[in-house]
Protein backbone atom coordinates (compact mmCIF):
# COMPACT_ATOMS: atom_id res chain seq x y z
CA MET A 1 0.52 -0.30 -0.18
CA SER A 2 1.50 3.63 -0.80
CA ILE A 3 0.55 6.75 0.24
CA MET A 4 0.79 9.94 -1.56
CA LYS A 5 -0.26 12.61 0.13
CA GLU A 6 2.20 16.61 -0.55
CA THR A 7 3.74 17.43 3.14
CA LYS A 8 6.63 20.23 1.94
CA GLU A 9 7.35 21.46 5.38
CA PRO A 10 7.89 25.13 4.88
CA VAL A 11 11.49 26.35 5.18
CA PRO A 12 11.65 29.02 8.43
CA ALA A 13 12.01 32.32 7.25
CA GLY A 14 14.93 34.45 8.25
CA LYS A 15 17.45 32.00 9.58
CA PRO A 16 21.05 32.16 8.20
CA GLY A 17 20.91 30.32 4.52
CA VAL A 18 17.63 29.78 4.27
CA GLU A 19 18.02 31.36 1.30
CA GLU A 20 21.13 29.18 -0.10
CA ALA A 21 18.42 26.41 0.98
CA SER A 22 16.13 28.03 -1.05
CA ALA A 23 17.22 25.32 -4.70
CA GLY A 24 17.47 22.14 -3.78
CA THR A 25 14.78 20.25 -4.92
CA LEU A 26 15.61 16.09 -6.10
CA GLU A 27 13.38 13.96 -8.04
CA LEU A 28 13.72 10.30 -8.64
CA LYS A 29 11.69 9.11 -12.28
CA ASP A 30 10.77 5.91 -12.36
CA VAL A 31 14.40 4.98 -11.20
CA SER A 32 14.94 1.38 -10.74
CA TYR A 33 18.38 0.00 -9.82
CA VAL A 34 20.16 -3.68 -10.37
CA TYR A 35 23.06 -5.23 -9.08
CA SER A 36 24.87 -7.80 -10.99
CA GLU A 37 22.74 -7.35 -13.56
CA GLY A 38 22.01 -10.10 -16.86
CA THR A 39 24.47 -12.27 -14.00
CA ALA A 40 23.20 -15.59 -12.42
CA TYR A 41 23.54 -13.15 -9.05
CA GLU A 42 21.30 -10.61 -10.65
CA ILE A 43 18.62 -8.34 -7.81
CA ARG A 44 17.01 -5.56 -8.56
CA ALA A 45 16.92 -3.32 -5.41
CA LEU A 46 15.18 0.18 -6.66
CA ASP A 47 11.67 -1.33 -8.56
CA HIS A 48 10.29 2.30 -11.17
CA ILE A 49 10.56 4.41 -8.13
CA SER A 50 8.90 7.92 -8.25
CA LEU A 51 9.60 10.52 -5.44
CA THR A 52 10.58 14.67 -4.89
CA MET A 53 11.91 15.70 -2.05
CA PRO A 54 11.70 19.27 -1.68
CA SER A 55 14.12 21.97 0.27
CA GLY A 56 13.64 22.37 3.72
CA GLN A 57 12.11 18.82 4.69
CA PHE A 58 13.07 16.68 7.23
CA ILE A 59 12.83 13.46 5.52
CA GLY A 60 12.96 9.91 7.25
CA ILE A 61 13.38 6.45 5.03
CA ILE A 62 12.74 3.47 7.13
CA GLY A 63 12.87 -0.34 5.68
CA HIS A 64 13.97 -3.64 6.55
CA THR A 65 17.62 -4.62 5.89
CA GLY A 66 17.81 -5.49 1.98
CA SER A 67 14.22 -3.45 1.99
CA GLY A 68 16.42 -1.02 -0.77
CA LYS A 69 16.77 2.34 1.41
CA SER A 70 20.28 2.75 1.47
CA THR A 71 20.98 2.01 -2.55
CA LEU A 72 18.14 5.02 -3.09
CA ILE A 73 20.26 7.78 -1.39
CA GLN A 74 23.32 7.16 -3.34
CA HIS A 75 21.57 7.66 -6.12
CA LEU A 76 20.57 11.31 -4.46
CA ASN A 77 24.03 12.48 -5.17
CA ALA A 78 25.13 10.30 -8.09
CA LEU A 79 27.68 7.72 -6.75
CA ILE A 80 25.14 5.40 -8.58
CA ARG A 81 24.15 5.11 -11.76
CA PRO A 82 20.05 4.17 -12.22
CA THR A 83 19.41 1.16 -13.87
CA GLU A 84 16.18 3.11 -15.56
CA GLY A 85 14.52 6.29 -14.67
CA GLN A 86 16.30 9.67 -13.82
CA VAL A 87 17.05 11.50 -11.28
CA LEU A 88 17.06 15.28 -10.99
CA TYR A 89 17.70 17.53 -9.32
CA ASN A 90 16.81 20.76 -9.61
CA GLY A 91 14.98 19.64 -12.14
CA GLN A 92 18.19 18.80 -14.37
CA ASP A 93 19.14 15.13 -15.27
CA ILE A 94 22.38 15.15 -13.27
CA TRP A 95 23.90 11.87 -15.38
CA ALA A 96 23.53 14.12 -18.72
CA ASP A 97 26.77 14.64 -20.38
CA ASP A 98 27.11 18.19 -19.46
CA PHE A 99 26.26 17.88 -15.79
CA ASP A 100 28.41 18.75 -13.30
CA ARG A 101 28.08 15.81 -10.25
CA LYS A 102 31.17 17.55 -8.80
CA GLU A 103 29.58 20.11 -8.23
CA LEU A 104 26.59 17.78 -7.13
CA ARG A 105 28.35 16.20 -4.74
CA GLY A 106 29.17 20.03 -2.74
CA GLN A 107 24.97 20.63 -3.24
CA VAL A 108 24.00 16.76 -1.72
CA GLY A 109 26.34 15.98 1.27
CA LEU A 110 26.70 12.28 2.09
CA VAL A 111 26.92 11.00 5.68
CA PHE A 112 27.80 6.39 5.70
CA GLN A 113 26.72 5.35 8.22
CA TYR A 114 30.25 4.54 10.15
CA PRO A 115 30.85 8.23 9.18
CA GLU A 116 33.79 7.59 11.48
CA HIS A 117 35.82 5.28 8.63
CA GLN A 118 35.73 8.91 6.06
CA LEU A 119 38.11 11.00 8.66
CA PHE A 120 41.65 10.72 6.91
CA GLU A 121 44.08 13.43 7.81
CA ASN A 122 46.02 14.16 10.47
CA ASP A 123 44.34 16.69 12.43
CA VAL A 124 40.29 17.54 12.86
CA LEU A 125 40.67 21.61 11.21
CA SER A 126 42.09 20.02 8.12
CA ASP A 127 39.81 17.13 7.72
CA VAL A 128 36.86 19.09 7.87
CA CYS A 129 38.82 21.48 5.68
CA PHE A 130 39.14 18.78 2.53
CA GLY A 131 36.26 19.87 1.14
CA PRO A 132 35.79 23.31 1.25
CA MET A 133 39.51 23.95 -0.15
CA ASN A 134 38.12 21.13 -3.10
CA GLN A 135 35.71 23.16 -3.92
CA GLY A 136 38.37 26.01 -5.06
CA LEU A 137 38.84 28.31 -1.02
CA SER A 138 41.38 29.22 -0.20
CA ARG A 139 43.05 27.42 3.79
CA GLU A 140 41.99 30.70 5.66
CA GLU A 141 38.02 29.93 3.73
CA ALA A 142 37.93 26.47 4.71
CA GLU A 143 39.13 27.27 7.89
CA GLU A 144 36.89 30.05 8.83
CA GLN A 145 33.68 27.35 6.61
CA ALA A 146 35.50 24.18 9.29
CA LYS A 147 35.68 26.41 12.61
CA LYS A 148 31.75 27.30 11.51
CA ALA A 149 30.60 23.14 11.03
CA LEU A 150 32.04 22.07 13.74
CA LEU A 151 30.66 24.32 16.39
CA GLN A 152 27.59 23.69 15.21
CA VAL A 153 28.11 20.31 15.57
CA GLY A 154 28.57 20.96 18.92
CA PHE A 155 32.44 20.35 18.93
CA LYS A 156 34.48 21.42 21.36
CA GLU A 157 37.36 23.70 20.11
CA LYS A 158 39.63 22.95 22.17
CA ASN A 159 39.77 19.44 19.90
CA PHE A 160 40.31 20.70 16.98
CA LYS A 161 43.89 20.79 16.59
CA LYS A 162 43.91 16.63 17.77
CA SER A 163 43.95 13.42 15.45
CA PRO A 164 40.67 12.88 14.63
CA PHE A 165 41.84 8.41 15.52
CA GLU A 166 42.17 10.32 19.37
CA LEU A 167 38.12 10.91 19.46
CA SER A 168 35.50 9.40 20.98
CA GLY A 169 33.22 7.62 18.40
CA GLY A 170 30.53 10.20 18.80
CA GLN A 171 33.31 13.25 18.65
CA LYS A 172 34.33 10.83 15.26
CA LYS A 173 30.56 11.30 13.91
CA ARG A 174 29.91 15.09 14.48
CA VAL A 175 33.89 15.45 13.21
CA ALA A 176 32.61 13.78 9.59
CA ILE A 177 29.21 15.55 9.83
CA ALA A 178 30.46 18.22 10.08
CA GLY A 179 33.38 17.29 7.12
CA VAL A 180 30.44 17.31 4.45
CA LEU A 181 28.11 20.43 6.71
CA ALA A 182 31.29 23.27 5.59
CA MET A 183 31.31 21.89 2.08
CA ASN A 184 27.58 24.10 2.86
CA PRO A 185 25.42 21.54 1.15
CA ARG A 186 21.81 22.42 0.57
CA VAL A 187 20.72 18.70 0.75
CA LEU A 188 22.49 16.55 4.16
CA VAL A 189 21.19 12.53 3.46
CA LEU A 190 22.85 10.76 6.67
CA ASP A 191 22.28 6.50 6.79
CA GLU A 192 22.39 5.99 10.21
CA PRO A 193 25.25 8.66 11.72
CA THR A 194 24.02 7.52 15.18
CA ALA A 195 24.83 3.57 14.38
CA GLY A 196 26.70 1.95 17.43
CA LEU A 197 26.02 5.37 20.02
CA ASP A 198 25.09 4.79 23.77
CA PRO A 199 21.28 7.02 23.91
CA LYS A 200 22.93 10.16 25.31
CA GLY A 201 25.08 9.96 22.46
CA ARG A 202 22.38 9.64 19.74
CA ASP A 203 19.97 12.22 21.17
CA GLU A 204 22.85 14.46 21.22
CA ILE A 205 23.68 14.46 17.43
CA LEU A 206 20.01 13.99 16.18
CA ASP A 207 19.18 17.04 18.43
CA GLN A 208 21.98 19.35 16.63
CA ILE A 209 20.90 17.72 13.36
CA ALA A 210 17.63 18.97 13.99
CA GLY A 211 19.49 22.02 15.07
CA LEU A 212 20.68 22.48 11.49
CA HIS A 213 17.80 22.34 9.85
CA GLU A 214 15.84 24.98 11.91
CA GLU A 215 18.89 27.47 11.26
CA ARG A 216 20.37 26.65 7.97
CA GLY A 217 16.89 26.00 6.78
CA ILE A 218 18.38 22.51 4.74
CA THR A 219 17.08 19.25 3.25
CA ILE A 220 17.39 16.83 6.03
CA VAL A 221 17.42 13.44 4.74
CA LEU A 222 17.80 10.93 7.24
CA VAL A 223 18.08 6.47 7.64
CA SER A 224 17.34 5.03 10.30
CA HIS A 225 16.14 2.00 12.46
CA SER A 226 15.24 4.27 14.78
CA MET A 227 10.88 4.42 14.89
CA GLU A 228 11.48 6.81 17.43
CA ASP A 229 14.13 8.56 16.58
CA MET A 230 11.40 8.67 13.36
CA ALA A 231 8.39 9.71 15.01
CA ARG A 232 10.22 12.74 16.83
CA TYR A 233 12.27 14.61 14.06
CA ALA A 234 11.21 13.40 10.28
CA SER A 235 8.50 15.96 9.19
CA ARG A 236 7.68 13.29 6.12
CA LEU A 237 8.70 9.22 6.28
CA ILE A 238 9.25 6.90 3.21
CA VAL A 239 9.04 3.40 3.82
CA MET A 240 10.74 1.18 1.57
CA ASP A 241 9.68 -2.83 1.08
CA HIS A 242 11.19 -4.38 -1.61
CA GLY A 243 12.29 -1.46 -3.96
CA LYS A 244 9.30 0.16 -3.93
CA VAL A 245 7.43 2.88 -1.95
CA ALA A 246 5.23 1.06 0.68
CA PHE A 247 4.38 4.08 2.18
CA ASP A 248 4.80 8.02 2.29
CA ASP A 249 2.95 10.43 4.19
CA VAL A 250 3.58 11.82 7.67
CA PRO A 251 4.52 9.87 9.94
CA LYS A 252 0.98 9.19 12.59
CA GLU A 253 -0.31 8.54 9.40
CA VAL A 254 2.45 5.88 9.19
CA PHE A 255 1.86 4.52 11.96
CA SER A 256 -0.86 4.33 11.83
CA HIS A 257 -0.37 0.88 9.73
CA TYR A 258 1.20 -0.65 12.81
CA LYS A 259 0.08 -3.93 11.40
CA GLU A 260 1.18 -3.34 7.46
CA LEU A 261 4.45 -1.58 8.70
CA GLU A 262 4.90 -5.37 10.83
CA PRO A 263 5.31 -8.38 8.26
CA MET A 264 7.65 -5.62 6.43
CA GLY A 265 10.24 -6.79 9.33
CA LEU A 266 8.71 -2.83 10.55
CA ALA A 267 7.32 -1.93 14.23
CA ALA A 268 5.45 1.16 15.01
CA PRO A 269 7.41 3.73 18.37
CA GLN A 270 6.21 1.66 21.17
CA ILE A 271 4.13 4.41 22.42
CA THR A 272 1.73 3.60 19.52
CA TYR A 273 0.96 -0.27 20.43
CA ILE A 274 0.55 1.37 24.28
CA MET A 275 -2.31 4.28 22.57
CA GLN A 276 -3.93 1.24 21.12
CA THR A 277 -4.39 -0.36 23.90
CA LEU A 278 -5.48 1.79 25.83
CA LYS A 279 -7.90 2.75 22.95
CA GLU A 280 -9.34 -0.73 22.78
CA ARG A 281 -9.81 -0.33 26.22
CA GLY A 282 -12.47 2.02 26.31
CA LEU A 283 -9.95 5.46 26.75
CA PRO A 284 -10.77 8.32 24.47
CA VAL A 285 -7.48 8.53 23.26
CA ASP A 286 -5.62 9.97 19.97
CA GLU A 287 -4.23 6.30 19.19
CA ARG A 288 -2.31 7.57 15.85
CA VAL A 289 -0.01 9.91 18.45
CA THR A 290 3.48 8.43 18.07
CA THR A 291 5.66 11.10 20.70
CA LEU A 292 5.90 10.88 24.64
CA PRO A 293 4.73 14.69 24.81
CA GLU A 294 1.78 14.06 22.92
CA ALA A 295 0.76 10.94 24.61
CA ARG A 296 0.64 12.57 27.60
CA ASP A 297 -1.70 15.24 27.03
CA SER A 298 -4.11 13.23 24.97
CA ILE A 299 -4.42 10.16 28.12
CA LEU A 300 -5.38 13.42 30.45
CA ALA A 301 -7.45 14.79 28.42
CA ALA A 302 -9.16 11.68 28.23
CA LEU A 303 -8.73 11.14 31.35
CA ARG A 304 -10.80 14.22 31.92
CA THR A 305 -13.74 13.53 30.12
CA ARG A 306 -13.91 9.72 32.07
CA GLY A 307 -13.30 11.66 35.32
CA GLY A 308 -9.84 10.65 35.83
CA ALA A 309 -11.06 6.90 35.97
CA LEU A 310 -9.47 3.98 34.07
């Protein structure tokens, strides 16, 4: 089942970087991708995907292992070429002969599941400077961009000269994200950026990403296995299943189909199941809420209508 409802989130006006982010629309038109095409190992990872990702949205992508979500995001900045169909950036085919794909990769930044593997320089500041200098900035200009990006992801200035390999896992992830941000992308794509972190570290990273979305107005595309994170941060949720888009809507609507998600190896946030149980037991709550604050407000409102008794 597929829900293709438009959920475009307006870009906040007056925020730093919003004007720069006003252009940055990605579109996939009937995109398919086949691994090992024509061999005995042929796998159709994407099957006729059509999606539009307007500028300024915070988009979550979920799916079981092998659903096609990682293959999908690698199409967004031309890491892989579709077997069929087109990928457009601001209306232009990114695989056209005259399209500048190097420029695209500065505009659409991709942070991998283990971004610390992207680190290679002798010190943190030099590592984050690499991208801006590759774009043609001087060392001085690149350092200015790098310092700004590092501070935006919550990395302390006293650690700028440390070797990346001396850092904790959470610090390495911050540096890798800053390395992409320093190139001033209009779209930031993150593939499980909190993998391997404890809950506190995960929340800190995601809060920083949400803050960047608010401050810069850039598009965020986040791949995650955490339904709670998707409910908390994403304004639009795309569910992948066997290379197809199964659902595409606001998280509240997607998670209301929790019984259809379960055969895909997915589940709604735990709060959804609690609210469903309360509803089945006769408490007039909104069973579609997906976050703890929403659940609290709904339960309190329902108790007031019942005189405070369950």
